[in-house]
Amino acid sequence: MDPIAPIHSEDGPPENLAPLPVGSTVLETAILGRLDEDKAQDIVLIDLKGKSPMADTMIVASGRSHRHVGALADHLQRTLKEQGLGKVKVSGLPHCDWVLLDAGDVIVHLFRPEVRAFYNIEKIWSVDSGHRVDARPA
């Protein structure tokens, strides 16, 4: 199985989310559903099982602006708390260029598009998401 699974692209989300990887959890489903409802862009799921002890899954998504990234983070926190899925540790507020949410088994990175292109976090896991262009000059 490909360790990275794009959920939707800038062309707009599908009516329903793409099928999740085998073994998906309630936590992953809640996060992906909330991000999709809040119109996060370029949602990508990276399977970390057997690659890193820090988490089982990493989810990377973009917001259109500082305000959108902050709202995505706030809504994720509220949703997970309301559904009883535990407390989330958050880093990167109030600037909202790059917000990291640690939900235990799932780590979520929320970026503004320019910041995401610069750091290209998907490449760190030796996976190219295909929709990103190298931000550095040749």
N, C-alpha and C. Protein backbone atom coordinates (compact mmCIF):
# COMPACT_ATOMS: atom_id res chain seq x y z
N MET A 1 0.85 -1.18 0.00
CA MET A 1 0.00 0.00 0.00
C MET A 1 0.89 1.24 0.00
N ASP A 2 0.51 2.23 -0.77
CA ASP A 2 1.22 3.49 -0.83
C ASP A 2 1.10 4.16 0.54
N PRO A 3 2.23 4.59 1.17
CA PRO A 3 2.15 5.16 2.51
C PRO A 3 1.50 6.53 2.56
N ILE A 4 1.18 7.10 1.42
CA ILE A 4 0.54 8.40 1.42
C ILE A 4 -0.73 8.30 0.59
N ALA A 5 -1.80 8.83 1.10
CA ALA A 5 -3.07 8.72 0.40
C ALA A 5 -3.72 10.09 0.29
N PRO A 6 -3.70 10.71 -0.90
CA PRO A 6 -4.37 12.00 -1.04
C PRO A 6 -5.88 11.83 -0.88
N ILE A 7 -6.49 12.71 -0.15
CA ILE A 7 -7.92 12.64 0.10
C ILE A 7 -8.68 13.45 -0.95
N HIS A 8 -8.24 14.67 -1.21
CA HIS A 8 -8.78 15.45 -2.31
C HIS A 8 -7.80 16.55 -2.65
N SER A 9 -8.00 17.20 -3.77
CA SER A 9 -7.06 18.22 -4.23
C SER A 9 -7.74 19.56 -4.33
N GLU A 10 -7.00 20.54 -4.88
CA GLU A 10 -7.55 21.88 -5.02
C GLU A 10 -8.74 21.93 -5.97
N ASP A 11 -8.93 20.88 -6.78
CA ASP A 11 -10.07 20.83 -7.68
C ASP A 11 -11.38 20.74 -6.91
N GLY A 12 -11.28 20.52 -5.62
CA GLY A 12 -12.47 20.44 -4.78
C GLY A 12 -12.65 19.04 -4.26
N PRO A 13 -13.24 18.90 -3.07
CA PRO A 13 -13.41 17.58 -2.49
C PRO A 13 -14.50 16.81 -3.22
N PRO A 14 -14.38 15.49 -3.25
CA PRO A 14 -15.44 14.68 -3.81
C PRO A 14 -16.66 14.71 -2.89
N GLU A 15 -17.76 14.20 -3.36
CA GLU A 15 -18.97 14.17 -2.54
C GLU A 15 -18.71 13.44 -1.22
N ASN A 16 -17.99 12.34 -1.29
CA ASN A 16 -17.62 11.58 -0.09
C ASN A 16 -16.12 11.43 -0.07
N LEU A 17 -15.56 11.26 1.11
CA LEU A 17 -14.12 11.07 1.21
C LEU A 17 -13.71 9.79 0.49
N ALA A 18 -12.49 9.78 -0.02
CA ALA A 18 -11.95 8.57 -0.64
C ALA A 18 -11.85 7.50 0.44
N PRO A 19 -11.84 6.24 0.05
CA PRO A 19 -11.72 5.17 1.05
C PRO A 19 -10.46 5.35 1.88
N LEU A 20 -10.59 5.12 3.18
CA LEU A 20 -9.45 5.26 4.07
C LEU A 20 -8.64 3.97 4.07
N PRO A 21 -7.37 4.07 4.44
CA PRO A 21 -6.54 2.87 4.48
C PRO A 21 -7.11 1.83 5.44
N VAL A 22 -6.81 0.59 5.18
CA VAL A 22 -7.25 -0.50 6.06
C VAL A 22 -6.72 -0.24 7.46
N GLY A 23 -7.55 -0.46 8.47
CA GLY A 23 -7.13 -0.23 9.84
C GLY A 23 -7.35 1.20 10.29
N SER A 24 -8.10 1.99 9.51
CA SER A 24 -8.34 3.36 9.91
C SER A 24 -9.10 3.37 11.24
N THR A 25 -8.88 4.41 12.00
CA THR A 25 -9.45 4.48 13.34
C THR A 25 -10.56 5.52 13.39
N VAL A 26 -11.28 5.51 14.48
CA VAL A 26 -12.32 6.50 14.71
C VAL A 26 -11.68 7.89 14.75
N LEU A 27 -10.50 7.99 15.34
CA LEU A 27 -9.78 9.27 15.44
C LEU A 27 -9.45 9.80 14.04
N GLU A 28 -8.88 8.95 13.18
CA GLU A 28 -8.55 9.37 11.82
C GLU A 28 -9.81 9.81 11.06
N THR A 29 -10.86 9.03 11.18
CA THR A 29 -12.10 9.33 10.49
C THR A 29 -12.68 10.67 10.95
N ALA A 30 -12.65 10.93 12.26
CA ALA A 30 -13.17 12.19 12.80
C ALA A 30 -12.35 13.38 12.28
N ILE A 31 -11.03 13.23 12.26
CA ILE A 31 -10.16 14.33 11.80
C ILE A 31 -10.38 14.59 10.31
N LEU A 32 -10.35 13.53 9.51
CA LEU A 32 -10.53 13.70 8.07
C LEU A 32 -11.90 14.27 7.73
N GLY A 33 -12.92 13.83 8.44
CA GLY A 33 -14.27 14.34 8.21
C GLY A 33 -14.38 15.82 8.54
N ARG A 34 -13.80 16.22 9.66
CA ARG A 34 -13.84 17.62 10.06
C ARG A 34 -13.08 18.50 9.06
N LEU A 35 -11.89 18.05 8.64
CA LEU A 35 -11.11 18.81 7.67
C LEU A 35 -11.85 18.95 6.35
N ASP A 36 -12.51 17.89 5.92
CA ASP A 36 -13.27 17.93 4.68
C ASP A 36 -14.46 18.89 4.80
N GLU A 37 -15.17 18.83 5.92
CA GLU A 37 -16.31 19.72 6.14
C GLU A 37 -15.88 21.18 6.16
N ASP A 38 -14.70 21.44 6.71
CA ASP A 38 -14.19 22.82 6.83
C ASP A 38 -13.43 23.28 5.58
N LYS A 39 -13.48 22.47 4.53
CA LYS A 39 -12.88 22.81 3.24
C LYS A 39 -11.37 23.01 3.29
N ALA A 40 -10.70 22.15 4.07
CA ALA A 40 -9.24 22.15 4.04
C ALA A 40 -8.81 21.70 2.64
N GLN A 41 -7.64 22.15 2.21
CA GLN A 41 -7.16 21.83 0.87
C GLN A 41 -6.03 20.82 0.93
N ASP A 42 -5.90 20.02 -0.12
CA ASP A 42 -4.79 19.08 -0.28
C ASP A 42 -4.59 18.20 0.96
N ILE A 43 -5.64 17.56 1.41
CA ILE A 43 -5.55 16.70 2.58
C ILE A 43 -4.81 15.42 2.18
N VAL A 44 -3.75 15.12 2.94
CA VAL A 44 -2.94 13.94 2.65
C VAL A 44 -2.76 13.14 3.94
N LEU A 45 -2.96 11.82 3.85
CA LEU A 45 -2.78 10.93 4.98
C LEU A 45 -1.51 10.13 4.74
N ILE A 46 -0.61 10.11 5.72
CA ILE A 46 0.65 9.37 5.63
C ILE A 46 0.66 8.30 6.71
N ASP A 47 0.79 7.06 6.30
CA ASP A 47 0.83 5.93 7.22
C ASP A 47 2.22 5.84 7.83
N LEU A 48 2.33 5.98 9.15
CA LEU A 48 3.61 5.93 9.84
C LEU A 48 3.84 4.62 10.58
N LYS A 49 2.88 3.70 10.49
CA LYS A 49 3.02 2.43 11.21
C LYS A 49 4.29 1.72 10.77
N GLY A 50 5.12 1.37 11.73
CA GLY A 50 6.38 0.69 11.45
C GLY A 50 7.49 1.62 11.01
N LYS A 51 7.21 2.92 10.86
CA LYS A 51 8.22 3.88 10.44
C LYS A 51 8.63 4.81 11.55
N SER A 52 7.71 5.08 12.48
CA SER A 52 7.99 6.03 13.53
C SER A 52 7.21 5.67 14.79
N PRO A 53 7.86 5.77 15.95
CA PRO A 53 7.14 5.49 17.20
C PRO A 53 6.29 6.67 17.67
N MET A 54 6.42 7.85 17.01
CA MET A 54 5.72 9.03 17.51
C MET A 54 4.22 8.98 17.25
N ALA A 55 3.79 8.31 16.18
CA ALA A 55 2.36 8.24 15.85
C ALA A 55 2.16 7.15 14.81
N ASP A 56 0.90 6.75 14.63
CA ASP A 56 0.57 5.77 13.60
C ASP A 56 0.26 6.43 12.27
N THR A 57 -0.23 7.67 12.34
CA THR A 57 -0.67 8.37 11.14
C THR A 57 -0.32 9.84 11.23
N MET A 58 0.02 10.41 10.09
CA MET A 58 0.20 11.85 9.99
C MET A 58 -0.76 12.36 8.92
N ILE A 59 -1.44 13.43 9.22
CA ILE A 59 -2.35 14.06 8.27
C ILE A 59 -1.83 15.46 8.01
N VAL A 60 -1.68 15.80 6.73
CA VAL A 60 -1.18 17.12 6.33
C VAL A 60 -2.28 17.77 5.49
N ALA A 61 -2.57 19.04 5.79
CA ALA A 61 -3.60 19.76 5.04
C ALA A 61 -3.24 21.24 4.99
N SER A 62 -3.85 21.93 4.05
CA SER A 62 -3.63 23.37 3.92
C SER A 62 -4.91 24.14 4.14
N GLY A 63 -4.74 25.35 4.68
CA GLY A 63 -5.84 26.31 4.76
C GLY A 63 -5.52 27.46 3.82
N ARG A 64 -6.52 28.20 3.43
CA ARG A 64 -6.33 29.27 2.44
C ARG A 64 -5.64 30.51 3.01
N SER A 65 -5.72 30.71 4.32
CA SER A 65 -5.18 31.91 4.95
C SER A 65 -4.86 31.61 6.41
N HIS A 66 -4.25 32.59 7.09
CA HIS A 66 -3.97 32.44 8.53
C HIS A 66 -5.27 32.12 9.27
N ARG A 67 -6.31 32.87 8.94
CA ARG A 67 -7.59 32.71 9.62
C ARG A 67 -8.17 31.32 9.38
N HIS A 68 -8.08 30.83 8.15
CA HIS A 68 -8.62 29.50 7.81
C HIS A 68 -7.83 28.41 8.55
N VAL A 69 -6.50 28.52 8.61
CA VAL A 69 -5.69 27.54 9.33
C VAL A 69 -6.06 27.54 10.82
N GLY A 70 -6.22 28.72 11.40
CA GLY A 70 -6.62 28.81 12.80
C GLY A 70 -7.99 28.21 13.06
N ALA A 71 -8.93 28.45 12.15
CA ALA A 71 -10.27 27.88 12.30
C ALA A 71 -10.24 26.36 12.16
N LEU A 72 -9.45 25.85 11.23
CA LEU A 72 -9.33 24.40 11.08
C LEU A 72 -8.83 23.78 12.39
N ALA A 73 -7.79 24.38 12.98
CA ALA A 73 -7.22 23.87 14.22
C ALA A 73 -8.24 23.92 15.36
N ASP A 74 -8.93 25.04 15.48
CA ASP A 74 -9.94 25.21 16.53
C ASP A 74 -11.07 24.19 16.38
N HIS A 75 -11.55 24.01 15.17
CA HIS A 75 -12.65 23.07 14.93
C HIS A 75 -12.21 21.63 15.20
N LEU A 76 -10.97 21.29 14.86
CA LEU A 76 -10.48 19.94 15.16
C LEU A 76 -10.44 19.70 16.66
N GLN A 77 -9.93 20.67 17.41
CA GLN A 77 -9.88 20.55 18.87
C GLN A 77 -11.28 20.32 19.44
N ARG A 78 -12.21 21.15 19.02
CA ARG A 78 -13.58 21.05 19.54
C ARG A 78 -14.23 19.71 19.18
N THR A 79 -14.06 19.29 17.93
CA THR A 79 -14.67 18.04 17.48
C THR A 79 -14.14 16.86 18.27
N LEU A 80 -12.83 16.79 18.45
CA LEU A 80 -12.25 15.65 19.17
C LEU A 80 -12.67 15.65 20.64
N LYS A 81 -12.77 16.83 21.22
CA LYS A 81 -13.23 16.92 22.61
C LYS A 81 -14.69 16.49 22.73
N GLU A 82 -15.54 17.00 21.82
CA GLU A 82 -16.97 16.67 21.85
C GLU A 82 -17.22 15.18 21.63
N GLN A 83 -16.39 14.54 20.81
CA GLN A 83 -16.56 13.12 20.52
C GLN A 83 -15.84 12.23 21.53
N GLY A 84 -15.22 12.85 22.54
CA GLY A 84 -14.54 12.08 23.58
C GLY A 84 -13.29 11.37 23.10
N LEU A 85 -12.62 11.94 22.12
CA LEU A 85 -11.44 11.30 21.55
C LEU A 85 -10.14 11.83 22.15
N GLY A 86 -10.25 12.52 23.25
CA GLY A 86 -9.06 12.95 23.97
C GLY A 86 -8.68 14.40 23.71
N LYS A 87 -7.75 14.84 24.56
CA LYS A 87 -7.23 16.20 24.44
C LYS A 87 -6.19 16.25 23.33
N VAL A 88 -6.11 17.40 22.69
CA VAL A 88 -5.16 17.61 21.61
C VAL A 88 -4.17 18.67 22.05
N LYS A 89 -2.88 18.39 21.87
CA LYS A 89 -1.84 19.38 22.14
C LYS A 89 -1.62 20.16 20.85
N VAL A 90 -1.59 21.49 20.96
CA VAL A 90 -1.50 22.34 19.78
C VAL A 90 -0.28 23.25 19.87
N SER A 91 0.44 23.35 18.75
CA SER A 91 1.57 24.28 18.63
C SER A 91 1.38 25.09 17.35
N GLY A 92 1.81 26.34 17.38
CA GLY A 92 1.76 27.16 16.17
C GLY A 92 0.71 28.25 16.18
N LEU A 93 -0.13 28.27 17.19
CA LEU A 93 -1.08 29.37 17.32
C LEU A 93 -0.34 30.48 18.06
N PRO A 94 -0.48 31.69 17.87
CA PRO A 94 -1.48 32.43 17.12
C PRO A 94 -1.07 32.79 15.69
N HIS A 95 0.16 32.46 15.26
CA HIS A 95 0.60 32.89 13.93
C HIS A 95 -0.14 32.18 12.81
N CYS A 96 -0.43 30.90 12.98
CA CYS A 96 -1.22 30.11 12.04
C CYS A 96 -0.60 29.98 10.65
N ASP A 97 0.73 29.99 10.57
CA ASP A 97 1.40 29.65 9.32
C ASP A 97 1.49 28.13 9.22
N TRP A 98 1.86 27.51 10.37
CA TRP A 98 2.00 26.06 10.46
C TRP A 98 1.52 25.69 11.86
N VAL A 99 0.41 25.00 11.94
CA VAL A 99 -0.13 24.57 13.22
C VAL A 99 -0.03 23.06 13.31
N LEU A 100 0.53 22.57 14.40
CA LEU A 100 0.66 21.14 14.63
C LEU A 100 -0.29 20.74 15.74
N LEU A 101 -1.07 19.68 15.49
CA LEU A 101 -1.98 19.15 16.50
C LEU A 101 -1.56 17.71 16.79
N ASP A 102 -1.26 17.42 18.04
CA ASP A 102 -0.87 16.08 18.46
C ASP A 102 -2.05 15.45 19.16
N ALA A 103 -2.69 14.50 18.46
CA ALA A 103 -3.86 13.82 19.02
C ALA A 103 -3.49 12.40 19.45
N GLY A 104 -2.23 12.18 19.77
CA GLY A 104 -1.80 10.86 20.21
C GLY A 104 -1.36 10.01 19.04
N ASP A 105 -2.23 9.12 18.58
CA ASP A 105 -1.90 8.24 17.47
C ASP A 105 -1.89 8.95 16.13
N VAL A 106 -2.45 10.15 16.09
CA VAL A 106 -2.51 10.92 14.84
C VAL A 106 -1.91 12.30 15.07
N ILE A 107 -0.99 12.67 14.19
CA ILE A 107 -0.39 14.01 14.20
C ILE A 107 -0.96 14.75 12.99
N VAL A 108 -1.41 15.99 13.19
CA VAL A 108 -1.98 16.77 12.11
C VAL A 108 -1.14 18.03 11.92
N HIS A 109 -0.74 18.27 10.67
CA HIS A 109 -0.01 19.48 10.29
C HIS A 109 -0.93 20.31 9.41
N LEU A 110 -1.20 21.55 9.80
CA LEU A 110 -2.02 22.46 9.01
C LEU A 110 -1.14 23.62 8.58
N PHE A 111 -1.13 23.91 7.28
CA PHE A 111 -0.25 24.93 6.72
C PHE A 111 -1.02 25.94 5.89
N ARG A 112 -0.42 27.13 5.76
CA ARG A 112 -0.79 28.01 4.66
C ARG A 112 -0.06 27.44 3.45
N PRO A 113 -0.62 27.54 2.23
CA PRO A 113 -0.02 26.90 1.06
C PRO A 113 1.45 27.25 0.82
N GLU A 114 1.83 28.52 0.99
CA GLU A 114 3.22 28.92 0.74
C GLU A 114 4.17 28.25 1.72
N VAL A 115 3.75 28.15 2.97
CA VAL A 115 4.58 27.55 4.01
C VAL A 115 4.71 26.05 3.76
N ARG A 116 3.62 25.43 3.37
CA ARG A 116 3.65 24.00 3.08
C ARG A 116 4.58 23.69 1.90
N ALA A 117 4.52 24.50 0.87
CA ALA A 117 5.40 24.31 -0.28
C ALA A 117 6.87 24.48 0.12
N PHE A 118 7.15 25.43 1.01
CA PHE A 118 8.52 25.67 1.45
C PHE A 118 9.08 24.48 2.23
N TYR A 119 8.32 24.00 3.22
CA TYR A 119 8.82 22.91 4.07
C TYR A 119 8.66 21.54 3.41
N ASN A 120 7.68 21.37 2.55
CA ASN A 120 7.44 20.12 1.83
C ASN A 120 7.57 18.90 2.75
N ILE A 121 6.80 18.90 3.80
CA ILE A 121 6.90 17.88 4.85
C ILE A 121 6.65 16.46 4.31
N GLU A 122 5.86 16.33 3.25
CA GLU A 122 5.62 15.01 2.69
C GLU A 122 6.92 14.38 2.19
N LYS A 123 7.83 15.20 1.70
CA LYS A 123 9.10 14.69 1.17
C LYS A 123 9.98 14.14 2.29
N ILE A 124 9.83 14.64 3.50
CA ILE A 124 10.59 14.13 4.64
C ILE A 124 10.34 12.64 4.82
N TRP A 125 9.14 12.21 4.52
CA TRP A 125 8.77 10.80 4.66
C TRP A 125 8.99 10.05 3.35
N SER A 126 9.86 10.59 2.50
CA SER A 126 10.26 9.98 1.23
C SER A 126 9.08 9.72 0.32
N VAL A 127 8.13 10.62 0.36
CA VAL A 127 6.96 10.49 -0.48
C VAL A 127 6.70 11.85 -1.11
N ASP A 128 6.52 11.86 -2.43
CA ASP A 128 6.17 13.10 -3.12
C ASP A 128 4.68 13.05 -3.39
N SER A 129 3.96 14.04 -2.92
CA SER A 129 2.50 14.03 -3.06
C SER A 129 2.05 14.31 -4.48
N GLY A 130 2.96 14.74 -5.37
CA GLY A 130 2.59 14.92 -6.76
C GLY A 130 1.93 16.25 -7.07
N HIS A 131 1.37 16.94 -6.08
CA HIS A 131 0.71 18.21 -6.36
C HIS A 131 1.57 19.39 -5.90
N ARG A 132 2.75 19.10 -5.43
CA ARG A 132 3.61 20.15 -4.91
C ARG A 132 4.75 20.43 -5.87
N VAL A 133 5.15 21.67 -5.97
CA VAL A 133 6.27 22.07 -6.81
C VAL A 133 7.42 22.44 -5.89
N ASP A 134 8.64 22.11 -6.26
CA ASP A 134 9.80 22.43 -5.45
C ASP A 134 9.88 23.95 -5.29
N ALA A 135 9.93 24.45 -4.06
CA ALA A 135 9.92 25.89 -3.78
C ALA A 135 11.30 26.51 -3.96
N ARG A 136 12.34 25.68 -3.99
CA ARG A 136 13.70 26.21 -4.11
C ARG A 136 14.11 26.36 -5.58
N PRO A 137 14.87 27.42 -5.88
CA PRO A 137 15.31 27.58 -7.27
C PRO A 137 16.30 26.48 -7.66
N ALA A 138 16.33 26.15 -8.93
CA ALA A 138 17.22 25.09 -9.42
C ALA A 138 18.67 25.51 -9.45
